[in-house]
Amino acid sequence: MNLSAFTTLALTITLGIFSAAAAAAGDADAGAKLFTKTCGGCHSIGPGARGGFGPQLNSVIGRTAGVTPGYQYSDAMKNSGVVWSREKLAAYIEAPKKVVSGTRMIFWGISDPQKIDDLLAYIATFQDTDH
């Protein structure tokens, strides 16, 4: 294989890897729209977010479940021991009661992995937001 063909192949593989990673990261704009329609009735996020029917979700990634001040969690959530990693949140968005049995959250879940990635991309934009 000559150098030009090898360089082209290496570049193609590298771009494919980065494209797959970017696709897996989700679309925060699409996630914002989905959040408003699907989550926003119970949860708030962003500057000034507060608990309502559900807890606020600023800086949720890395946070222990059931500890946000200003929200009355179920015993199941408080005692779950869950730390909200991206993967754990994805599983919870897909099937909340499978992740925290006994949660009070009334939500059917989302089965579309792209929609979950979009939601997580949007939520991640508020990772360093004060509550």
N, C-alpha and C. Protein backbone atom coordinates (compact mmCIF):
# COMPACT_ATOMS: atom_id res chain seq x y z
N MET A 1 0.87 -1.17 0.00
CA MET A 1 0.00 0.00 0.00
C MET A 1 0.91 1.23 0.00
N ASN A 2 0.62 2.16 -0.90
CA ASN A 2 1.46 3.35 -0.95
C ASN A 2 1.06 4.33 0.16
N LEU A 3 1.90 5.31 0.41
CA LEU A 3 1.69 6.26 1.50
C LEU A 3 0.40 7.04 1.34
N SER A 4 0.07 7.43 0.13
CA SER A 4 -1.15 8.21 -0.12
C SER A 4 -2.40 7.38 0.22
N ALA A 5 -2.43 6.13 -0.20
CA ALA A 5 -3.58 5.26 0.08
C ALA A 5 -3.68 5.00 1.59
N PHE A 6 -2.56 4.78 2.24
CA PHE A 6 -2.55 4.55 3.68
C PHE A 6 -3.06 5.78 4.44
N THR A 7 -2.61 6.96 4.04
CA THR A 7 -3.04 8.20 4.68
C THR A 7 -4.53 8.39 4.51
N THR A 8 -5.04 8.14 3.31
CA THR A 8 -6.48 8.27 3.05
C THR A 8 -7.27 7.30 3.91
N LEU A 9 -6.82 6.06 4.00
CA LEU A 9 -7.50 5.06 4.82
C LEU A 9 -7.48 5.46 6.29
N ALA A 10 -6.34 5.89 6.79
CA ALA A 10 -6.24 6.30 8.19
C ALA A 10 -7.14 7.48 8.48
N LEU A 11 -7.19 8.45 7.58
CA LEU A 11 -8.04 9.62 7.76
C LEU A 11 -9.52 9.22 7.75
N THR A 12 -9.90 8.33 6.86
CA THR A 12 -11.28 7.87 6.78
C THR A 12 -11.70 7.16 8.07
N ILE A 13 -10.85 6.31 8.57
CA ILE A 13 -11.15 5.60 9.82
C ILE A 13 -11.26 6.58 10.98
N THR A 14 -10.33 7.53 11.07
CA THR A 14 -10.35 8.52 12.15
C THR A 14 -11.62 9.36 12.10
N LEU A 15 -12.00 9.83 10.93
CA LEU A 15 -13.22 10.63 10.80
C LEU A 15 -14.45 9.81 11.17
N GLY A 16 -14.46 8.54 10.79
CA GLY A 16 -15.58 7.67 11.15
C GLY A 16 -15.71 7.51 12.65
N ILE A 17 -14.60 7.36 13.33
CA ILE A 17 -14.61 7.22 14.78
C ILE A 17 -15.13 8.50 15.43
N PHE A 18 -14.62 9.65 14.99
CA PHE A 18 -15.08 10.91 15.58
C PHE A 18 -16.54 11.20 15.24
N SER A 19 -16.99 10.82 14.06
CA SER A 19 -18.39 11.03 13.69
C SER A 19 -19.30 10.19 14.56
N ALA A 20 -18.92 8.95 14.81
CA ALA A 20 -19.72 8.08 15.68
C ALA A 20 -19.77 8.63 17.09
N ALA A 21 -18.65 9.14 17.58
CA ALA A 21 -18.62 9.71 18.92
C ALA A 21 -19.50 10.95 19.00
N ALA A 22 -19.45 11.78 17.96
CA ALA A 22 -20.28 12.99 17.95
C ALA A 22 -21.76 12.63 17.92
N ALA A 23 -22.11 11.63 17.14
CA ALA A 23 -23.52 11.21 17.06
C ALA A 23 -24.00 10.69 18.40
N ALA A 24 -23.14 9.96 19.10
CA ALA A 24 -23.52 9.40 20.39
C ALA A 24 -23.69 10.50 21.44
N ALA A 25 -23.06 11.65 21.21
CA ALA A 25 -23.13 12.73 22.19
C ALA A 25 -24.50 13.38 22.22
N GLY A 26 -25.26 13.29 21.15
CA GLY A 26 -26.60 13.85 21.13
C GLY A 26 -26.62 15.30 20.67
N ASP A 27 -27.81 15.77 20.41
CA ASP A 27 -28.06 17.12 19.91
C ASP A 27 -28.77 17.90 21.01
N ALA A 28 -28.05 18.84 21.62
CA ALA A 28 -28.60 19.60 22.75
C ALA A 28 -29.82 20.42 22.34
N ASP A 29 -29.86 20.94 21.12
CA ASP A 29 -31.03 21.71 20.67
C ASP A 29 -32.26 20.83 20.58
N ALA A 30 -32.10 19.64 20.01
CA ALA A 30 -33.22 18.69 19.94
C ALA A 30 -33.61 18.26 21.36
N GLY A 31 -32.60 18.09 22.22
CA GLY A 31 -32.86 17.73 23.62
C GLY A 31 -33.64 18.80 24.36
N ALA A 32 -33.37 20.08 24.05
CA ALA A 32 -34.09 21.18 24.70
C ALA A 32 -35.57 21.11 24.37
N LYS A 33 -35.87 20.86 23.11
CA LYS A 33 -37.28 20.75 22.68
C LYS A 33 -37.95 19.56 23.35
N LEU A 34 -37.24 18.45 23.38
CA LEU A 34 -37.79 17.24 23.99
C LEU A 34 -37.98 17.43 25.50
N PHE A 35 -37.02 18.09 26.15
CA PHE A 35 -37.12 18.37 27.58
C PHE A 35 -38.38 19.19 27.87
N THR A 36 -38.60 20.23 27.08
CA THR A 36 -39.76 21.09 27.28
C THR A 36 -41.06 20.28 27.17
N LYS A 37 -41.15 19.43 26.15
CA LYS A 37 -42.37 18.64 25.92
C LYS A 37 -42.53 17.50 26.92
N THR A 38 -41.44 16.84 27.25
CA THR A 38 -41.52 15.59 28.00
C THR A 38 -41.22 15.72 29.48
N CYS A 39 -40.27 16.58 29.83
CA CYS A 39 -39.79 16.66 31.21
C CYS A 39 -40.18 17.96 31.92
N GLY A 40 -40.34 19.02 31.14
CA GLY A 40 -40.52 20.36 31.67
C GLY A 40 -41.77 20.58 32.51
N GLY A 41 -42.76 19.71 32.39
CA GLY A 41 -43.95 19.85 33.21
C GLY A 41 -43.67 19.57 34.69
N CYS A 42 -42.64 18.80 34.97
CA CYS A 42 -42.32 18.43 36.36
C CYS A 42 -40.95 18.94 36.81
N HIS A 43 -39.99 19.03 35.88
CA HIS A 43 -38.61 19.39 36.22
C HIS A 43 -38.26 20.75 35.64
N SER A 44 -37.37 21.46 36.33
CA SER A 44 -36.81 22.68 35.78
C SER A 44 -35.30 22.53 35.73
N ILE A 45 -34.70 23.32 34.86
CA ILE A 45 -33.25 23.28 34.67
C ILE A 45 -32.82 24.66 34.17
N GLY A 46 -31.62 25.04 34.52
CA GLY A 46 -31.11 26.34 34.09
C GLY A 46 -31.06 27.31 35.25
N PRO A 47 -30.62 28.53 34.98
CA PRO A 47 -30.53 29.53 36.04
C PRO A 47 -31.87 29.72 36.75
N GLY A 48 -31.85 29.71 38.05
CA GLY A 48 -33.07 29.90 38.84
C GLY A 48 -33.94 28.67 38.97
N ALA A 49 -33.48 27.52 38.47
CA ALA A 49 -34.28 26.29 38.55
C ALA A 49 -34.52 25.90 40.00
N ARG A 50 -35.74 25.45 40.27
CA ARG A 50 -36.11 25.00 41.62
C ARG A 50 -36.94 23.74 41.51
N GLY A 51 -37.00 23.04 42.62
CA GLY A 51 -37.85 21.86 42.67
C GLY A 51 -39.31 22.26 42.54
N GLY A 52 -40.07 21.43 41.91
CA GLY A 52 -41.51 21.63 41.77
C GLY A 52 -42.17 20.28 41.99
N PHE A 53 -42.86 19.80 40.98
CA PHE A 53 -43.43 18.46 41.05
C PHE A 53 -42.32 17.42 41.01
N GLY A 54 -41.19 17.79 40.40
CA GLY A 54 -39.97 16.98 40.37
C GLY A 54 -38.80 17.85 40.76
N PRO A 55 -37.65 17.26 41.08
CA PRO A 55 -36.49 18.06 41.48
C PRO A 55 -35.90 18.83 40.30
N GLN A 56 -35.19 19.92 40.59
CA GLN A 56 -34.46 20.63 39.53
C GLN A 56 -33.30 19.75 39.09
N LEU A 57 -32.85 19.94 37.87
CA LEU A 57 -31.85 19.03 37.30
C LEU A 57 -30.51 19.67 36.97
N ASN A 58 -30.24 20.86 37.50
CA ASN A 58 -28.91 21.46 37.30
C ASN A 58 -27.85 20.58 37.94
N SER A 59 -26.74 20.41 37.25
CA SER A 59 -25.58 19.66 37.77
C SER A 59 -25.95 18.28 38.27
N VAL A 60 -26.89 17.63 37.60
CA VAL A 60 -27.35 16.31 38.06
C VAL A 60 -26.31 15.22 37.81
N ILE A 61 -25.52 15.34 36.74
CA ILE A 61 -24.53 14.30 36.44
C ILE A 61 -23.45 14.32 37.51
N GLY A 62 -23.27 13.20 38.19
CA GLY A 62 -22.32 13.08 39.28
C GLY A 62 -22.95 13.24 40.65
N ARG A 63 -24.20 13.65 40.69
CA ARG A 63 -24.89 13.88 41.96
C ARG A 63 -25.52 12.58 42.46
N THR A 64 -25.56 12.42 43.77
CA THR A 64 -26.23 11.28 44.39
C THR A 64 -27.73 11.52 44.34
N ALA A 65 -28.48 10.50 44.01
CA ALA A 65 -29.94 10.60 43.93
C ALA A 65 -30.54 10.92 45.29
N GLY A 66 -31.58 11.75 45.28
CA GLY A 66 -32.35 12.01 46.48
C GLY A 66 -31.76 12.99 47.46
N VAL A 67 -30.84 13.85 47.01
CA VAL A 67 -30.19 14.76 47.96
C VAL A 67 -30.37 16.24 47.66
N THR A 68 -31.03 16.59 46.57
CA THR A 68 -31.16 18.00 46.21
C THR A 68 -32.02 18.73 47.22
N PRO A 69 -31.51 19.82 47.80
CA PRO A 69 -32.32 20.60 48.74
C PRO A 69 -33.56 21.17 48.04
N GLY A 70 -34.63 21.30 48.77
CA GLY A 70 -35.83 21.91 48.22
C GLY A 70 -36.76 20.96 47.52
N TYR A 71 -36.52 19.66 47.65
CA TYR A 71 -37.41 18.69 47.03
C TYR A 71 -37.62 17.52 47.98
N GLN A 72 -38.83 17.06 48.09
CA GLN A 72 -39.18 15.93 48.96
C GLN A 72 -39.15 14.63 48.14
N TYR A 73 -38.07 13.89 48.26
CA TYR A 73 -37.91 12.65 47.50
C TYR A 73 -38.64 11.48 48.16
N SER A 74 -38.94 10.47 47.35
CA SER A 74 -39.49 9.23 47.89
C SER A 74 -38.40 8.52 48.68
N ASP A 75 -38.80 7.66 49.60
CA ASP A 75 -37.81 6.87 50.34
C ASP A 75 -37.00 6.00 49.38
N ALA A 76 -37.65 5.49 48.34
CA ALA A 76 -36.95 4.64 47.37
C ALA A 76 -35.80 5.41 46.73
N MET A 77 -36.03 6.67 46.36
CA MET A 77 -34.99 7.47 45.72
C MET A 77 -33.91 7.83 46.73
N LYS A 78 -34.31 8.27 47.92
CA LYS A 78 -33.33 8.66 48.95
C LYS A 78 -32.43 7.50 49.34
N ASN A 79 -32.97 6.29 49.33
CA ASN A 79 -32.22 5.12 49.78
C ASN A 79 -31.62 4.30 48.63
N SER A 80 -31.72 4.80 47.42
CA SER A 80 -31.29 4.03 46.24
C SER A 80 -29.78 3.86 46.14
N GLY A 81 -29.03 4.82 46.65
CA GLY A 81 -27.58 4.77 46.50
C GLY A 81 -27.10 5.08 45.09
N VAL A 82 -28.00 5.50 44.22
CA VAL A 82 -27.66 5.80 42.83
C VAL A 82 -26.86 7.11 42.76
N VAL A 83 -25.81 7.09 41.96
CA VAL A 83 -25.09 8.30 41.60
C VAL A 83 -25.36 8.48 40.11
N TRP A 84 -25.84 9.65 39.73
CA TRP A 84 -26.31 9.89 38.37
C TRP A 84 -25.16 10.09 37.39
N SER A 85 -24.65 9.00 36.86
CA SER A 85 -23.70 9.06 35.75
C SER A 85 -24.53 9.22 34.47
N ARG A 86 -23.87 9.50 33.38
CA ARG A 86 -24.58 9.61 32.10
C ARG A 86 -25.28 8.28 31.78
N GLU A 87 -24.59 7.19 32.01
CA GLU A 87 -25.16 5.87 31.71
C GLU A 87 -26.36 5.56 32.61
N LYS A 88 -26.25 5.91 33.89
CA LYS A 88 -27.35 5.66 34.83
C LYS A 88 -28.56 6.52 34.47
N LEU A 89 -28.32 7.79 34.10
CA LEU A 89 -29.42 8.65 33.67
C LEU A 89 -30.09 8.11 32.40
N ALA A 90 -29.28 7.61 31.47
CA ALA A 90 -29.84 7.04 30.24
C ALA A 90 -30.75 5.86 30.58
N ALA A 91 -30.30 5.00 31.47
CA ALA A 91 -31.11 3.85 31.87
C ALA A 91 -32.39 4.31 32.58
N TYR A 92 -32.27 5.34 33.39
CA TYR A 92 -33.43 5.86 34.12
C TYR A 92 -34.44 6.51 33.18
N ILE A 93 -33.96 7.25 32.21
CA ILE A 93 -34.85 7.88 31.24
C ILE A 93 -35.58 6.80 30.44
N GLU A 94 -34.88 5.71 30.16
CA GLU A 94 -35.50 4.61 29.41
C GLU A 94 -36.54 3.87 30.24
N ALA A 95 -36.24 3.58 31.49
CA ALA A 95 -37.15 2.79 32.33
C ALA A 95 -36.92 3.14 33.80
N PRO A 96 -37.54 4.23 34.29
CA PRO A 96 -37.27 4.71 35.65
C PRO A 96 -37.44 3.65 36.74
N LYS A 97 -38.49 2.89 36.69
CA LYS A 97 -38.76 1.93 37.77
C LYS A 97 -37.81 0.74 37.77
N LYS A 98 -37.12 0.51 36.65
CA LYS A 98 -36.10 -0.54 36.62
C LYS A 98 -34.83 -0.09 37.33
N VAL A 99 -34.57 1.22 37.32
CA VAL A 99 -33.37 1.76 37.96
C VAL A 99 -33.61 2.03 39.43
N VAL A 100 -34.77 2.62 39.76
CA VAL A 100 -35.13 2.89 41.16
C VAL A 100 -36.54 2.34 41.38
N SER A 101 -36.58 1.11 41.81
CA SER A 101 -37.87 0.48 42.11
C SER A 101 -38.55 1.24 43.24
N GLY A 102 -39.80 1.62 43.03
CA GLY A 102 -40.52 2.36 44.05
C GLY A 102 -40.46 3.86 43.89
N THR A 103 -39.81 4.35 42.81
CA THR A 103 -39.78 5.79 42.58
C THR A 103 -41.20 6.32 42.38
N ARG A 104 -41.43 7.55 42.80
CA ARG A 104 -42.75 8.17 42.61
C ARG A 104 -42.89 8.77 41.22
N MET A 105 -41.80 8.84 40.49
CA MET A 105 -41.86 9.46 39.17
C MET A 105 -42.80 8.70 38.26
N ILE A 106 -43.80 9.42 37.77
CA ILE A 106 -44.79 8.83 36.87
C ILE A 106 -44.34 9.17 35.46
N PHE A 107 -43.63 8.25 34.86
CA PHE A 107 -43.08 8.48 33.53
C PHE A 107 -42.92 7.13 32.86
N TRP A 108 -43.39 7.02 31.65
CA TRP A 108 -43.39 5.76 30.90
C TRP A 108 -42.03 5.39 30.35
N GLY A 109 -41.13 6.36 30.23
CA GLY A 109 -39.79 6.11 29.70
C GLY A 109 -39.71 6.45 28.22
N ILE A 110 -38.51 6.51 27.73
CA ILE A 110 -38.24 6.78 26.32
C ILE A 110 -37.37 5.64 25.80
N SER A 111 -37.81 5.00 24.73
CA SER A 111 -37.06 3.86 24.22
C SER A 111 -36.08 4.22 23.10
N ASP A 112 -36.21 5.40 22.52
CA ASP A 112 -35.37 5.81 21.41
C ASP A 112 -34.01 6.29 21.92
N PRO A 113 -32.93 5.56 21.63
CA PRO A 113 -31.60 5.94 22.13
C PRO A 113 -31.17 7.33 21.68
N GLN A 114 -31.55 7.76 20.47
CA GLN A 114 -31.16 9.09 19.99
C GLN A 114 -31.84 10.17 20.83
N LYS A 115 -33.10 9.99 21.17
CA LYS A 115 -33.80 10.97 22.00
C LYS A 115 -33.18 11.03 23.39
N ILE A 116 -32.79 9.89 23.91
CA ILE A 116 -32.13 9.86 25.22
C ILE A 116 -30.80 10.62 25.14
N ASP A 117 -30.02 10.37 24.10
CA ASP A 117 -28.75 11.08 23.92
C ASP A 117 -28.97 12.58 23.77
N ASP A 118 -30.03 12.96 23.05
CA ASP A 118 -30.33 14.39 22.89
C ASP A 118 -30.69 15.02 24.24
N LEU A 119 -31.53 14.35 25.02
CA LEU A 119 -31.88 14.86 26.35
C LEU A 119 -30.65 15.01 27.22
N LEU A 120 -29.79 14.00 27.22
CA LEU A 120 -28.59 14.06 28.04
C LEU A 120 -27.63 15.16 27.58
N ALA A 121 -27.56 15.39 26.28
CA ALA A 121 -26.72 16.49 25.77
C ALA A 121 -27.26 17.82 26.29
N TYR A 122 -28.58 17.98 26.30
CA TYR A 122 -29.18 19.21 26.81
C TYR A 122 -28.95 19.35 28.31
N ILE A 123 -29.20 18.30 29.06
CA ILE A 123 -29.00 18.33 30.51
C ILE A 123 -27.54 18.66 30.85
N ALA A 124 -26.62 18.12 30.07
CA ALA A 124 -25.19 18.36 30.31
C ALA A 124 -24.81 19.82 30.13
N THR A 125 -25.58 20.59 29.36
CA THR A 125 -25.26 22.00 29.18
C THR A 125 -25.48 22.79 30.47
N PHE A 126 -26.16 22.20 31.44
CA PHE A 126 -26.41 22.86 32.73
C PHE A 126 -25.65 22.16 33.86
N GLN A 127 -24.55 21.51 33.49
CA GLN A 127 -23.79 20.75 34.47
C GLN A 127 -23.12 21.64 35.50
N ASP A 128 -22.74 22.83 35.12
CA ASP A 128 -22.06 23.74 36.07
C ASP A 128 -22.93 24.91 36.46
N THR A 129 -24.24 24.73 36.39
CA THR A 129 -25.18 25.80 36.73
C THR A 129 -25.53 25.72 38.19
N ASP A 130 -25.46 26.85 38.88
CA ASP A 130 -25.89 26.89 40.29
C ASP A 130 -27.40 26.76 40.34
N HIS A 131 -27.88 26.23 41.44
CA HIS A 131 -29.34 26.06 41.58
C HIS A 131 -29.90 27.19 42.39
